[in-house]
Amino acid sequence: MGASTRNAGFACIGSLTEILDDLEHMPADAVVQLVNLRRKGLQLLRSRIGDDRMDYRENGSYELISDAEAPALARLDEVNELLGGILPGPAFSIADGKLPGMGIVAKHLVQNNFEGELNTGKMMRTLIDLAIERGIEIKTGCEVKGMDESPGSVTVHLQGGLSLTADYVAVCTNAFTPALVSGLDISPGRGQVLVTAPVKGLPFKGIYHFDKGYYYFRELQGRVLFGGGRNLDFEGETTTELQLNARIQADLEEKLRTIILPGRDVTVEHRWSGIMAFGGTKQPVIRAHSDRIFLAVRMGGMGIAIGSEAGRMLAGLVPA
C-alpha cells in the first residue's frame, strides 16, 4: 500500500527537462541505462499483463515548458540522439501547435512518443491473480519486525512473536527497507495527489509533466488527476507517514486553477499520498545484500516503469 496502489498511473521513461537535469548529475551512459531500464520494464509489464487488463492507453504524453525552461528546447535533438540507440525513433518532438486546443498555460509543449497511462489498481489486481495462478501465496497484514540470517537459512520475525524461515529472502519494500536492512542509501519521498470532480468539456487527454517531472497531471474519466510538489518541501516529504501536506496540497490547487484549468470553476473530490524511495543516484539497488538476503529497492519514483524488469533481474540473482 506504500506506493504501487497510490501512484498516479503514469507509465514513464522521463521528460526532456528531467533527463537534462539527470545529465547534470549522472554520466550520459548511466542516464541512457536508466531510461532503457524504464522502457524494458514497461515492455515486460505490458507483455506479462496485457494492456486491456490494466487499461493501458497512449493518449499522448507532453511536457509543459515555461519561459525559464525554453533553453531546454535547444538540446532536444541532442537528447534524441543520446537515446537513439535504445528507442525505435526520436523520443521528443515540439508540439506547440497542440497548445491552443488544450487550454493549458505554457509557452511551449514537448511531446514524448514513448509514454502511456494505466490503472494501477487493475494492474496490481492482475499481478496478484497471475501470482496465485502460479501457486504463489501472498500474505499481508502482519508487520515484519526484522530478520536473522544463519549459514543455512533466514528467519523472518513478525509481529506477535511469529516467525517464518526460508532458504532465501528478497526484500522489495522500497522506501520502507531501512527498517529491515541498515546501511543503505535510501530516503523516503512522499508524493501528494489530488483528483477533481468531473470537469465539463475537459479539453485535453493524455499525461503531462512540468518542472523537471516534479509535477504531473492526466485526464482520468473526465476528471483531472494532479500530483507532485515534493520539491517545495523536501525535508517535510522525507517521511514514510501516509499523510497530506497542507502546503503542497494548496500549491497543487493553485497550479490546477492557474496552469491546468485557468478560469474554470473546479472542485477537488479526492486527495492522497504515496511513498517513493530515493538516494544519491536514481539507479535502483538490485543486488545481493548477503549470502541469503537480496534487494530490489529504491525505485526513484519510477516503480511502475522499472518494477517488472527489477523483479526479473532480482530473480536471476537468487539461487534456484
C-alpha atoms as a PDB file:
ATOM      1  CA  MET A   1       0.000   0.000   0.000  1.00  0.00           C
ATOM      2  CA  GLY A   2       3.007   2.308   0.214  1.00  0.00           C
ATOM      3  CA  ALA A   3       3.458   3.205  -3.432  1.00  0.00           C
ATOM      4  CA  SER A   4       2.198   0.754  -6.047  1.00  0.00           C
ATOM      5  CA  THR A   5      -1.512   1.344  -5.441  1.00  0.00           C
ATOM      6  CA  ARG A   6      -1.115   5.020  -4.589  1.00  0.00           C
ATOM      7  CA  ASN A   7       0.732   6.396  -7.608  1.00  0.00           C
ATOM      8  CA  ALA A   8      -0.785   8.464 -10.377  1.00  0.00           C
ATOM      9  CA  GLY A   9      -0.826   5.778 -13.083  1.00  0.00           C
ATOM     10  CA  PHE A  10       1.983   7.181 -15.237  1.00  0.00           C
ATOM     11  CA  ALA A  11       3.960   4.751 -17.401  1.00  0.00           C
ATOM     12  CA  CYS A  12       7.005   6.985 -17.885  1.00  0.00           C
ATOM     13  CA  ILE A  13      10.543   6.915 -19.226  1.00  0.00           C
ATOM     14  CA  GLY A  14      11.324  10.546 -18.295  1.00  0.00           C
ATOM     15  CA  SER A  15      10.566  14.045 -19.585  1.00  0.00           C
ATOM     16  CA  LEU A  16      13.002  16.233 -21.527  1.00  0.00           C
ATOM     17  CA  THR A  17      13.873  18.581 -18.649  1.00  0.00           C
ATOM     18  CA  GLU A  18      14.093  15.644 -16.231  1.00  0.00           C
ATOM     19  CA  ILE A  19      16.612  13.866 -18.453  1.00  0.00           C
ATOM     20  CA  LEU A  20      18.580  17.096 -18.911  1.00  0.00           C
ATOM     21  CA  ASP A  21      18.622  17.501 -15.133  1.00  0.00           C
ATOM     22  CA  ASP A  22      19.837  13.904 -14.794  1.00  0.00           C
ATOM     23  CA  LEU A  23      22.680  14.679 -17.202  1.00  0.00           C
ATOM     24  CA  GLU A  24      23.842  17.384 -14.797  1.00  0.00           C
ATOM     25  CA  HIS A  25      24.251  14.794 -12.022  1.00  0.00           C
ATOM     26  CA  MET A  26      24.962  11.492 -13.797  1.00  0.00           C
ATOM     27  CA  PRO A  27      27.229  10.316 -16.637  1.00  0.00           C
ATOM     28  CA  ALA A  28      25.471  10.158 -20.002  1.00  0.00           C
ATOM     29  CA  ASP A  29      25.797   6.370 -20.235  1.00  0.00           C
ATOM     30  CA  ALA A  30      24.158   5.998 -16.806  1.00  0.00           C
ATOM     31  CA  VAL A  31      21.231   8.184 -17.922  1.00  0.00           C
ATOM     32  CA  VAL A  32      20.781   6.064 -21.049  1.00  0.00           C
ATOM     33  CA  GLN A  33      20.961   2.893 -18.960  1.00  0.00           C
ATOM     34  CA  LEU A  34      18.261   4.210 -16.627  1.00  0.00           C
ATOM     35  CA  VAL A  35      15.911   5.217 -19.450  1.00  0.00           C
ATOM     36  CA  ASN A  36      16.458   1.804 -21.030  1.00  0.00           C
ATOM     37  CA  LEU A  37      15.607   0.114 -17.728  1.00  0.00           C
ATOM     38  CA  ARG A  38      12.323   2.031 -17.592  1.00  0.00           C
ATOM     39  CA  ARG A  39      11.456   1.145 -21.185  1.00  0.00           C
ATOM     40  CA  LYS A  40      12.313  -2.542 -20.767  1.00  0.00           C
ATOM     41  CA  GLY A  41      10.321  -2.658 -17.538  1.00  0.00           C
ATOM     42  CA  LEU A  42       7.234  -1.207 -19.218  1.00  0.00           C
ATOM     43  CA  GLN A  43       7.560  -3.604 -22.145  1.00  0.00           C
ATOM     44  CA  LEU A  44       7.795  -6.562 -19.767  1.00  0.00           C
ATOM     45  CA  LEU A  45       4.838  -5.327 -17.703  1.00  0.00           C
ATOM     46  CA  ARG A  46       2.670  -4.914 -20.808  1.00  0.00           C
ATOM     47  CA  SER A  47       3.611  -8.303 -22.233  1.00  0.00           C
ATOM     48  CA  ARG A  48       3.013 -10.024 -18.895  1.00  0.00           C
ATOM     49  CA  ILE A  49      -0.339  -8.416 -18.069  1.00  0.00           C
ATOM     50  CA  GLY A  50      -1.768  -7.253 -21.381  1.00  0.00           C
ATOM     51  CA  ASP A  51      -2.849  -3.669 -21.994  1.00  0.00           C
ATOM     52  CA  ASP A  52      -6.578  -4.329 -21.581  1.00  0.00           C
ATOM     53  CA  ARG A  53      -6.222  -5.843 -18.108  1.00  0.00           C
ATOM     54  CA  MET A  54      -4.695  -2.643 -16.709  1.00  0.00           C
ATOM     55  CA  ASP A  55      -6.357  -0.088 -19.024  1.00  0.00           C
ATOM     56  CA  TYR A  56      -3.017   0.868 -20.568  1.00  0.00           C
ATOM     57  CA  ARG A  57      -3.524   3.749 -23.008  1.00  0.00           C
ATOM     58  CA  GLU A  58      -1.347   6.040 -25.086  1.00  0.00           C
ATOM     59  CA  ASN A  59      -3.373   9.236 -25.394  1.00  0.00           C
ATOM     60  CA  GLY A  60      -0.263  11.365 -25.699  1.00  0.00           C
ATOM     61  CA  SER A  61       2.454  12.393 -23.270  1.00  0.00           C
ATOM     62  CA  TYR A  62       3.540  16.023 -23.049  1.00  0.00           C
ATOM     63  CA  GLU A  63       5.755  18.341 -21.050  1.00  0.00           C
ATOM     64  CA  LEU A  64       4.818  21.971 -20.394  1.00  0.00           C
ATOM     65  CA  ILE A  65       7.771  24.300 -20.972  1.00  0.00           C
ATOM     66  CA  SER A  66       7.920  27.732 -19.337  1.00  0.00           C
ATOM     67  CA  ASP A  67       9.988  30.739 -20.433  1.00  0.00           C
ATOM     68  CA  ALA A  68      12.659  29.785 -17.904  1.00  0.00           C
ATOM     69  CA  GLU A  69      12.899  26.268 -19.349  1.00  0.00           C
ATOM     70  CA  ALA A  70      12.843  27.316 -23.023  1.00  0.00           C
ATOM     71  CA  PRO A  71      16.636  26.831 -23.408  1.00  0.00           C
ATOM     72  CA  ALA A  72      15.987  23.096 -22.990  1.00  0.00           C
ATOM     73  CA  LEU A  73      14.417  23.061 -26.444  1.00  0.00           C
ATOM     74  CA  ALA A  74      17.809  23.794 -27.982  1.00  0.00           C
ATOM     75  CA  ARG A  75      19.034  20.460 -26.600  1.00  0.00           C
ATOM     76  CA  LEU A  76      16.080  18.379 -27.784  1.00  0.00           C
ATOM     77  CA  ASP A  77      17.960  16.937 -30.757  1.00  0.00           C
ATOM     78  CA  GLU A  78      20.954  16.203 -28.528  1.00  0.00           C
ATOM     79  CA  VAL A  79      18.804  14.144 -26.147  1.00  0.00           C
ATOM     80  CA  ASN A  80      17.082  12.359 -29.031  1.00  0.00           C
ATOM     81  CA  GLU A  81      20.473  11.399 -30.398  1.00  0.00           C
ATOM     82  CA  LEU A  82      21.656  10.259 -26.976  1.00  0.00           C
ATOM     83  CA  LEU A  83      18.660   7.922 -26.631  1.00  0.00           C
ATOM     84  CA  GLY A  84      18.659   6.882 -30.274  1.00  0.00           C
ATOM     85  CA  GLY A  85      20.390   3.581 -29.583  1.00  0.00           C
ATOM     86  CA  ILE A  86      17.677   2.292 -27.241  1.00  0.00           C
ATOM     87  CA  LEU A  87      14.492   3.696 -28.810  1.00  0.00           C
ATOM     88  CA  PRO A  88      12.963   2.903 -32.218  1.00  0.00           C
ATOM     89  CA  GLY A  89      12.576   6.600 -33.043  1.00  0.00           C
ATOM     90  CA  PRO A  90      13.019  10.129 -31.641  1.00  0.00           C
ATOM     91  CA  ALA A  91      11.841  10.368 -28.046  1.00  0.00           C
ATOM     92  CA  PHE A  92      10.859  14.054 -28.107  1.00  0.00           C
ATOM     93  CA  SER A  93       9.315  16.492 -30.560  1.00  0.00           C
ATOM     94  CA  ILE A  94       7.995  20.052 -30.243  1.00  0.00           C
ATOM     95  CA  ALA A  95       4.186  20.119 -30.233  1.00  0.00           C
ATOM     96  CA  ASP A  96       3.382  23.811 -29.753  1.00  0.00           C
ATOM     97  CA  GLY A  97       0.604  23.561 -32.326  1.00  0.00           C
ATOM     98  CA  LYS A  98      -1.470  21.445 -29.925  1.00  0.00           C
ATOM     99  CA  LEU A  99      -1.379  24.003 -27.086  1.00  0.00           C
ATOM    100  CA  PRO A 100      -4.289  26.265 -28.168  1.00  0.00           C
ATOM    101  CA  GLY A 101      -6.786  23.412 -28.082  1.00  0.00           C
ATOM    102  CA  MET A 102      -5.755  22.218 -24.626  1.00  0.00           C
ATOM    103  CA  GLY A 103      -6.494  25.372 -22.668  1.00  0.00           C
ATOM    104  CA  ILE A 104      -3.302  24.904 -20.647  1.00  0.00           C
ATOM    105  CA  VAL A 105      -0.980  27.778 -19.715  1.00  0.00           C
ATOM    106  CA  ALA A 106       2.510  27.110 -21.119  1.00  0.00           C
ATOM    107  CA  LYS A 107       4.948  28.731 -23.534  1.00  0.00           C
ATOM    108  CA  HIS A 108       5.882  25.520 -25.323  1.00  0.00           C
ATOM    109  CA  LEU A 109       4.848  21.879 -25.446  1.00  0.00           C
ATOM    110  CA  VAL A 110       7.146  18.887 -25.931  1.00  0.00           C
ATOM    111  CA  GLN A 111       5.679  15.538 -26.892  1.00  0.00           C
ATOM    112  CA  ASN A 112       7.138  12.263 -25.609  1.00  0.00           C
ATOM    113  CA  ASN A 113       6.495   9.406 -28.018  1.00  0.00           C
ATOM    114  CA  PHE A 114       7.115   6.512 -25.607  1.00  0.00           C
ATOM    115  CA  GLU A 115       4.903   7.052 -22.562  1.00  0.00           C
ATOM    116  CA  GLY A 116       1.421   5.982 -21.553  1.00  0.00           C
ATOM    117  CA  GLU A 117      -1.004   5.715 -18.643  1.00  0.00           C
ATOM    118  CA  LEU A 118      -2.635   2.846 -16.793  1.00  0.00           C
ATOM    119  CA  ASN A 119      -4.979   1.883 -13.954  1.00  0.00           C
ATOM    120  CA  THR A 120      -2.687   0.877 -11.111  1.00  0.00           C
ATOM    121  CA  GLY A 121      -5.457  -0.817  -9.121  1.00  0.00           C
ATOM    122  CA  LYS A 122      -6.233  -3.109 -12.052  1.00  0.00           C
ATOM    123  CA  MET A 123      -2.511  -3.637 -12.647  1.00  0.00           C
ATOM    124  CA  MET A 124      -1.930  -4.795  -9.068  1.00  0.00           C
ATOM    125  CA  ARG A 125      -5.049  -6.983  -9.085  1.00  0.00           C
ATOM    126  CA  THR A 126      -3.907  -8.684 -12.285  1.00  0.00           C
ATOM    127  CA  LEU A 127      -0.372  -9.230 -10.937  1.00  0.00           C
ATOM    128  CA  ILE A 128      -1.870 -10.806  -7.803  1.00  0.00           C
ATOM    129  CA  ASP A 129      -4.111 -13.047  -9.910  1.00  0.00           C
ATOM    130  CA  LEU A 130      -1.139 -14.141 -12.025  1.00  0.00           C
ATOM    131  CA  ALA A 131       0.888 -14.940  -8.912  1.00  0.00           C
ATOM    132  CA  ILE A 132      -1.921 -17.014  -7.398  1.00  0.00           C
ATOM    133  CA  GLU A 133      -2.365 -18.894 -10.681  1.00  0.00           C
ATOM    134  CA  ARG A 134       1.294 -19.928 -10.398  1.00  0.00           C
ATOM    135  CA  GLY A 135       0.885 -21.228  -6.851  1.00  0.00           C
ATOM    136  CA  ILE A 136       2.397 -18.216  -5.087  1.00  0.00           C
ATOM    137  CA  GLU A 137       0.817 -17.370  -1.745  1.00  0.00           C
ATOM    138  CA  ILE A 138       0.544 -13.693  -0.807  1.00  0.00           C
ATOM    139  CA  LYS A 139       0.238 -12.859   2.888  1.00  0.00           C
ATOM    140  CA  THR A 140      -0.422  -9.318   4.106  1.00  0.00           C
ATOM    141  CA  GLY A 141      -1.435  -7.508   7.270  1.00  0.00           C
ATOM    142  CA  CYS A 142       1.392  -8.685   9.509  1.00  0.00           C
ATOM    143  CA  GLU A 143       4.354  -6.371  10.103  1.00  0.00           C
ATOM    144  CA  VAL A 144       7.861  -7.733   9.614  1.00  0.00           C
ATOM    145  CA  LYS A 145       9.982  -6.744  12.612  1.00  0.00           C
ATOM    146  CA  GLY A 146      13.388  -7.991  11.480  1.00  0.00           C
ATOM    147  CA  MET A 147      15.480 -10.813  10.011  1.00  0.00           C
ATOM    148  CA  ASP A 148      18.231 -13.104  11.269  1.00  0.00           C
ATOM    149  CA  GLU A 149      20.498 -14.900   8.813  1.00  0.00           C
ATOM    150  CA  SER A 150      22.240 -18.171   9.609  1.00  0.00           C
ATOM    151  CA  PRO A 151      24.548 -20.267   7.388  1.00  0.00           C
ATOM    152  CA  GLY A 152      21.609 -22.318   6.105  1.00  0.00           C
ATOM    153  CA  SER A 153      18.505 -20.086   6.271  1.00  0.00           C
ATOM    154  CA  VAL A 154      16.903 -16.725   7.091  1.00  0.00           C
ATOM    155  CA  THR A 155      14.410 -16.297   9.932  1.00  0.00           C
ATOM    156  CA  VAL A 156      11.880 -13.518   9.394  1.00  0.00           C
ATOM    157  CA  HIS A 157      10.415 -12.167  12.647  1.00  0.00           C
ATOM    158  CA  LEU A 158       6.805 -10.972  12.563  1.00  0.00           C
ATOM    159  CA  GLN A 159       4.634  -9.036  14.983  1.00  0.00           C
ATOM    160  CA  GLY A 160       3.105 -11.085  17.777  1.00  0.00           C
ATOM    161  CA  GLY A 161       6.160 -13.290  18.175  1.00  0.00           C
ATOM    162  CA  LEU A 162       5.552 -15.234  14.959  1.00  0.00           C
ATOM    163  CA  SER A 163       8.382 -16.153  12.603  1.00  0.00           C
ATOM    164  CA  LEU A 164       8.979 -17.659   9.174  1.00  0.00           C
ATOM    165  CA  THR A 165      12.059 -19.484   7.917  1.00  0.00           C
ATOM    166  CA  ALA A 166      13.256 -19.520   4.319  1.00  0.00           C
ATOM    167  CA  ASP A 167      16.323 -20.522   2.349  1.00  0.00           C
ATOM    168  CA  TYR A 168      16.478 -17.042   0.816  1.00  0.00           C
ATOM    169  CA  VAL A 169      14.668 -13.739   1.306  1.00  0.00           C
ATOM    170  CA  ALA A 170      14.109 -10.983  -1.255  1.00  0.00           C
ATOM    171  CA  VAL A 171      13.406  -7.547   0.207  1.00  0.00           C
ATOM    172  CA  CYS A 172      11.303  -5.376  -2.129  1.00  0.00           C
ATOM    173  CA  THR A 173       9.884  -2.841   0.311  1.00  0.00           C
ATOM    174  CA  ASN A 174      11.334   0.242  -1.426  1.00  0.00           C
ATOM    175  CA  ALA A 175      11.229   3.265   0.908  1.00  0.00           C
ATOM    176  CA  PHE A 176      10.434   1.090   3.939  1.00  0.00           C
ATOM    177  CA  THR A 177      13.568  -1.051   3.511  1.00  0.00           C
ATOM    178  CA  PRO A 178      15.779   0.787   6.088  1.00  0.00           C
ATOM    179  CA  ALA A 179      13.542  -0.629   8.828  1.00  0.00           C
ATOM    180  CA  LEU A 180      14.781  -4.111   7.829  1.00  0.00           C
ATOM    181  CA  VAL A 181      18.247  -3.554   6.328  1.00  0.00           C
ATOM    182  CA  SER A 182      20.678  -0.955   7.663  1.00  0.00           C
ATOM    183  CA  GLY A 183      23.448   0.898   5.865  1.00  0.00           C
ATOM    184  CA  LEU A 184      21.548   1.584   2.625  1.00  0.00           C
ATOM    185  CA  ASP A 185      21.418   4.902   0.751  1.00  0.00           C
ATOM    186  CA  ILE A 186      17.627   5.090   0.762  1.00  0.00           C
ATOM    187  CA  SER A 187      15.431   8.040   1.748  1.00  0.00           C
ATOM    188  CA  PRO A 188      11.631   8.061   1.542  1.00  0.00           C
ATOM    189  CA  GLY A 189       9.969  10.681  -0.606  1.00  0.00           C
ATOM    190  CA  ARG A 190       6.262  11.251  -0.142  1.00  0.00           C
ATOM    191  CA  GLY A 191       4.157  12.294  -3.148  1.00  0.00           C
ATOM    192  CA  GLN A 192       0.914  14.282  -2.908  1.00  0.00           C
ATOM    193  CA  VAL A 193      -2.009  13.724  -5.298  1.00  0.00           C
ATOM    194  CA  LEU A 194      -5.486  15.171  -5.815  1.00  0.00           C
ATOM    195  CA  VAL A 195      -8.369  14.373  -8.164  1.00  0.00           C
ATOM    196  CA  THR A 196     -11.072  16.801  -9.273  1.00  0.00           C
ATOM    197  CA  ALA A 197     -14.762  16.250  -9.759  1.00  0.00           C
ATOM    198  CA  PRO A 198     -15.733  15.676 -13.410  1.00  0.00           C
ATOM    199  CA  VAL A 199     -14.887  18.750 -15.498  1.00  0.00           C
ATOM    200  CA  LYS A 200     -17.431  19.534 -18.199  1.00  0.00           C
ATOM    201  CA  GLY A 201     -15.837  19.784 -21.630  1.00  0.00           C
ATOM    202  CA  LEU A 202     -12.324  18.980 -20.401  1.00  0.00           C
ATOM    203  CA  PRO A 203     -10.226  19.973 -23.441  1.00  0.00           C
ATOM    204  CA  PHE A 204      -7.303  17.535 -23.138  1.00  0.00           C
ATOM    205  CA  LYS A 205      -6.453  13.868 -22.739  1.00  0.00           C
ATOM    206  CA  GLY A 206      -3.195  12.063 -22.028  1.00  0.00           C
ATOM    207  CA  ILE A 207      -0.478  12.649 -19.453  1.00  0.00           C
ATOM    208  CA  TYR A 208       1.519  15.796 -18.735  1.00  0.00           C
ATOM    209  CA  HIS A 209       4.634  16.827 -16.814  1.00  0.00           C
ATOM    210  CA  PHE A 210       6.275  20.110 -15.901  1.00  0.00           C
ATOM    211  CA  ASP A 211       9.145  21.442 -13.761  1.00  0.00           C
ATOM    212  CA  LYS A 212      11.631  18.570 -14.302  1.00  0.00           C
ATOM    213  CA  GLY A 213       8.955  15.994 -13.649  1.00  0.00           C
ATOM    214  CA  TYR A 214       8.159  17.285 -10.153  1.00  0.00           C
ATOM    215  CA  TYR A 215       4.562  17.976 -11.260  1.00  0.00           C
ATOM    216  CA  TYR A 216       2.380  15.657 -13.310  1.00  0.00           C
ATOM    217  CA  PHE A 217      -1.276  15.501 -14.308  1.00  0.00           C
ATOM    218  CA  ARG A 218      -3.586  13.479 -16.516  1.00  0.00           C
ATOM    219  CA  GLU A 219      -7.149  13.252 -17.689  1.00  0.00           C
ATOM    220  CA  LEU A 220      -8.976  10.485 -15.817  1.00  0.00           C
ATOM    221  CA  GLN A 221     -12.532   9.713 -16.921  1.00  0.00           C
ATOM    222  CA  GLY A 222     -13.326  13.390 -17.385  1.00  0.00           C
ATOM    223  CA  ARG A 223     -11.525  14.422 -14.214  1.00  0.00           C
ATOM    224  CA  VAL A 224      -8.030  15.820 -13.657  1.00  0.00           C
ATOM    225  CA  LEU A 225      -5.574  13.833 -11.533  1.00  0.00           C
ATOM    226  CA  PHE A 226      -2.735  16.120 -10.434  1.00  0.00           C
ATOM    227  CA  GLY A 227       0.239  15.318  -8.233  1.00  0.00           C
ATOM    228  CA  GLY A 228       3.706  16.459  -7.243  1.00  0.00           C
ATOM    229  CA  GLY A 229       5.232  19.434  -5.482  1.00  0.00           C
ATOM    230  CA  ARG A 230       7.672  17.397  -3.382  1.00  0.00           C
ATOM    231  CA  ASN A 231      10.384  19.906  -4.317  1.00  0.00           C
ATOM    232  CA  LEU A 232       8.574  22.566  -2.251  1.00  0.00           C
ATOM    233  CA  ASP A 233       9.325  20.715   0.983  1.00  0.00           C
ATOM    234  CA  PHE A 234      11.972  18.037   0.511  1.00  0.00           C
ATOM    235  CA  GLU A 235      12.586  17.794   4.254  1.00  0.00           C
ATOM    236  CA  GLY A 236       8.920  17.518   5.174  1.00  0.00           C
ATOM    237  CA  GLU A 237       8.268  14.927   2.483  1.00  0.00           C
ATOM    238  CA  THR A 238      11.211  12.730   3.523  1.00  0.00           C
ATOM    239  CA  THR A 239       8.874  10.538   5.548  1.00  0.00           C
ATOM    240  CA  THR A 240       7.030   7.214   5.458  1.00  0.00           C
ATOM    241  CA  GLU A 241       3.934   8.725   7.102  1.00  0.00           C
ATOM    242  CA  LEU A 242       0.946   8.491   4.744  1.00  0.00           C
ATOM    243  CA  GLN A 243      -0.440  11.955   5.426  1.00  0.00           C
ATOM    244  CA  LEU A 244      -1.304  15.064   3.443  1.00  0.00           C
ATOM    245  CA  ASN A 245       0.967  18.105   3.321  1.00  0.00           C
ATOM    246  CA  ALA A 246      -1.285  21.187   3.521  1.00  0.00           C
ATOM    247  CA  ARG A 247       1.298  23.494   1.921  1.00  0.00           C
ATOM    248  CA  ILE A 248       1.806  21.219  -1.095  1.00  0.00           C
ATOM    249  CA  GLN A 249      -1.909  20.483  -1.474  1.00  0.00           C
ATOM    250  CA  ALA A 250      -2.565  24.249  -1.550  1.00  0.00           C
ATOM    251  CA  ASP A 251       0.167  24.659  -4.169  1.00  0.00           C
ATOM    252  CA  LEU A 252      -1.393  21.895  -6.291  1.00  0.00           C
ATOM    253  CA  GLU A 253      -4.766  23.620  -6.105  1.00  0.00           C
ATOM    254  CA  GLU A 254      -3.233  26.967  -7.090  1.00  0.00           C
ATOM    255  CA  LYS A 255      -1.471  25.455 -10.114  1.00  0.00           C
ATOM    256  CA  LEU A 256      -4.599  23.498 -11.020  1.00  0.00           C
ATOM    257  CA  ARG A 257      -6.542  26.751 -11.294  1.00  0.00           C
ATOM    258  CA  THR A 258      -3.835  28.888 -12.949  1.00  0.00           C
ATOM    259  CA  ILE A 259      -1.975  26.460 -15.243  1.00  0.00           C
ATOM    260  CA  ILE A 260      -4.126  23.394 -15.947  1.00  0.00           C
ATOM    261  CA  LEU A 261      -7.707  24.743 -15.804  1.00  0.00           C
ATOM    262  CA  PRO A 262      -7.379  28.554 -15.874  1.00  0.00           C
ATOM    263  CA  GLY A 263     -10.643  30.428 -15.474  1.00  0.00           C
ATOM    264  CA  ARG A 264     -12.666  27.310 -14.659  1.00  0.00           C
ATOM    265  CA  ASP A 265     -14.643  26.518 -11.534  1.00  0.00           C
ATOM    266  CA  VAL A 266     -13.312  23.184 -10.309  1.00  0.00           C
ATOM    267  CA  THR A 267     -13.883  21.071  -7.193  1.00  0.00           C
ATOM    268  CA  VAL A 268     -11.351  18.686  -5.637  1.00  0.00           C
ATOM    269  CA  GLU A 269     -13.008  15.399  -4.608  1.00  0.00           C
ATOM    270  CA  HIS A 270     -10.121  13.149  -3.570  1.00  0.00           C
ATOM    271  CA  ARG A 271      -6.649  13.544  -2.074  1.00  0.00           C
ATOM    272  CA  TRP A 272      -3.996  11.050  -1.038  1.00  0.00           C
ATOM    273  CA  SER A 273      -0.262  10.498  -0.641  1.00  0.00           C
ATOM    274  CA  GLY A 274       2.152   7.699  -1.510  1.00  0.00           C
ATOM    275  CA  ILE A 275       5.719   6.911  -0.514  1.00  0.00           C
ATOM    276  CA  MET A 276       8.577   6.684  -3.032  1.00  0.00           C
ATOM    277  CA  ALA A 277      12.267   5.913  -2.397  1.00  0.00           C
ATOM    278  CA  PHE A 278      15.302   7.937  -3.474  1.00  0.00           C
ATOM    279  CA  GLY A 279      19.055   8.026  -2.932  1.00  0.00           C
ATOM    280  CA  GLY A 280      22.239   9.719  -4.039  1.00  0.00           C
ATOM    281  CA  THR A 281      21.649   8.366  -7.541  1.00  0.00           C
ATOM    282  CA  LYS A 282      18.489   7.477  -9.444  1.00  0.00           C
ATOM    283  CA  GLN A 283      19.804   3.975 -10.123  1.00  0.00           C
ATOM    284  CA  PRO A 284      17.807   1.330  -8.222  1.00  0.00           C
ATOM    285  CA  VAL A 285      19.506  -1.031  -5.761  1.00  0.00           C
ATOM    286  CA  ILE A 286      19.242  -4.546  -7.234  1.00  0.00           C
ATOM    287  CA  ARG A 287      21.864  -6.800  -5.675  1.00  0.00           C
ATOM    288  CA  ALA A 288      22.740  -9.423  -3.105  1.00  0.00           C
ATOM    289  CA  HIS A 289      22.896  -7.910   0.381  1.00  0.00           C
ATOM    290  CA  SER A 290      24.375 -11.102   1.844  1.00  0.00           C
ATOM    291  CA  ASP A 291      24.553 -14.797   1.019  1.00  0.00           C
ATOM    292  CA  ARG A 292      20.824 -15.281   1.596  1.00  0.00           C
ATOM    293  CA  ILE A 293      19.211 -11.822   1.522  1.00  0.00           C
ATOM    294  CA  PHE A 294      18.651  -9.994  -1.773  1.00  0.00           C
ATOM    295  CA  LEU A 295      17.418  -6.480  -2.552  1.00  0.00           C
ATOM    296  CA  ALA A 296      15.356  -4.801  -5.265  1.00  0.00           C
ATOM    297  CA  VAL A 297      14.620  -1.367  -3.795  1.00  0.00           C
ATOM    298  CA  ARG A 298      14.986   2.415  -4.331  1.00  0.00           C
ATOM    299  CA  MET A 299      12.798   2.752  -7.429  1.00  0.00           C
ATOM    300  CA  GLY A 300      13.296   6.533  -7.640  1.00  0.00           C
ATOM    301  CA  GLY A 301       9.630   7.311  -8.242  1.00  0.00           C
ATOM    302  CA  MET A 302       9.592   5.063 -11.319  1.00  0.00           C
ATOM    303  CA  GLY A 303       8.394   1.813  -9.756  1.00  0.00           C
ATOM    304  CA  ILE A 304       5.677   1.230 -12.349  1.00  0.00           C
ATOM    305  CA  ALA A 305       8.188   1.606 -15.172  1.00  0.00           C
ATOM    306  CA  ILE A 306      11.130  -0.332 -13.760  1.00  0.00           C
ATOM    307  CA  GLY A 307       9.469  -2.691 -11.261  1.00  0.00           C
ATOM    308  CA  SER A 308       8.931  -5.620 -13.633  1.00  0.00           C
ATOM    309  CA  GLU A 309      12.471  -5.537 -15.004  1.00  0.00           C
ATOM    310  CA  ALA A 310      13.877  -5.049 -11.488  1.00  0.00           C
ATOM    311  CA  GLY A 311      11.995  -8.165 -10.423  1.00  0.00           C
ATOM    312  CA  ARG A 312      13.323 -10.143 -13.375  1.00  0.00           C
ATOM    313  CA  MET A 313      16.878  -9.067 -12.548  1.00  0.00           C
ATOM    314  CA  LEU A 314      16.389  -9.913  -8.877  1.00  0.00           C
ATOM    315  CA  ALA A 315      15.060 -13.380  -9.692  1.00  0.00           C
ATOM    316  CA  GLY A 316      18.237 -14.022 -11.675  1.00  0.00           C
ATOM    317  CA  LEU A 317      20.346 -13.289  -8.605  1.00  0.00           C
ATOM    318  CA  VAL A 318      18.592 -15.627  -6.149  1.00  0.00           C
ATOM    319  CA  PRO A 319      19.921 -19.207  -6.303  1.00  0.00           C
ATOM    320  CA  ALA A 320      17.433 -21.705  -7.750  1.00  0.00           C
END
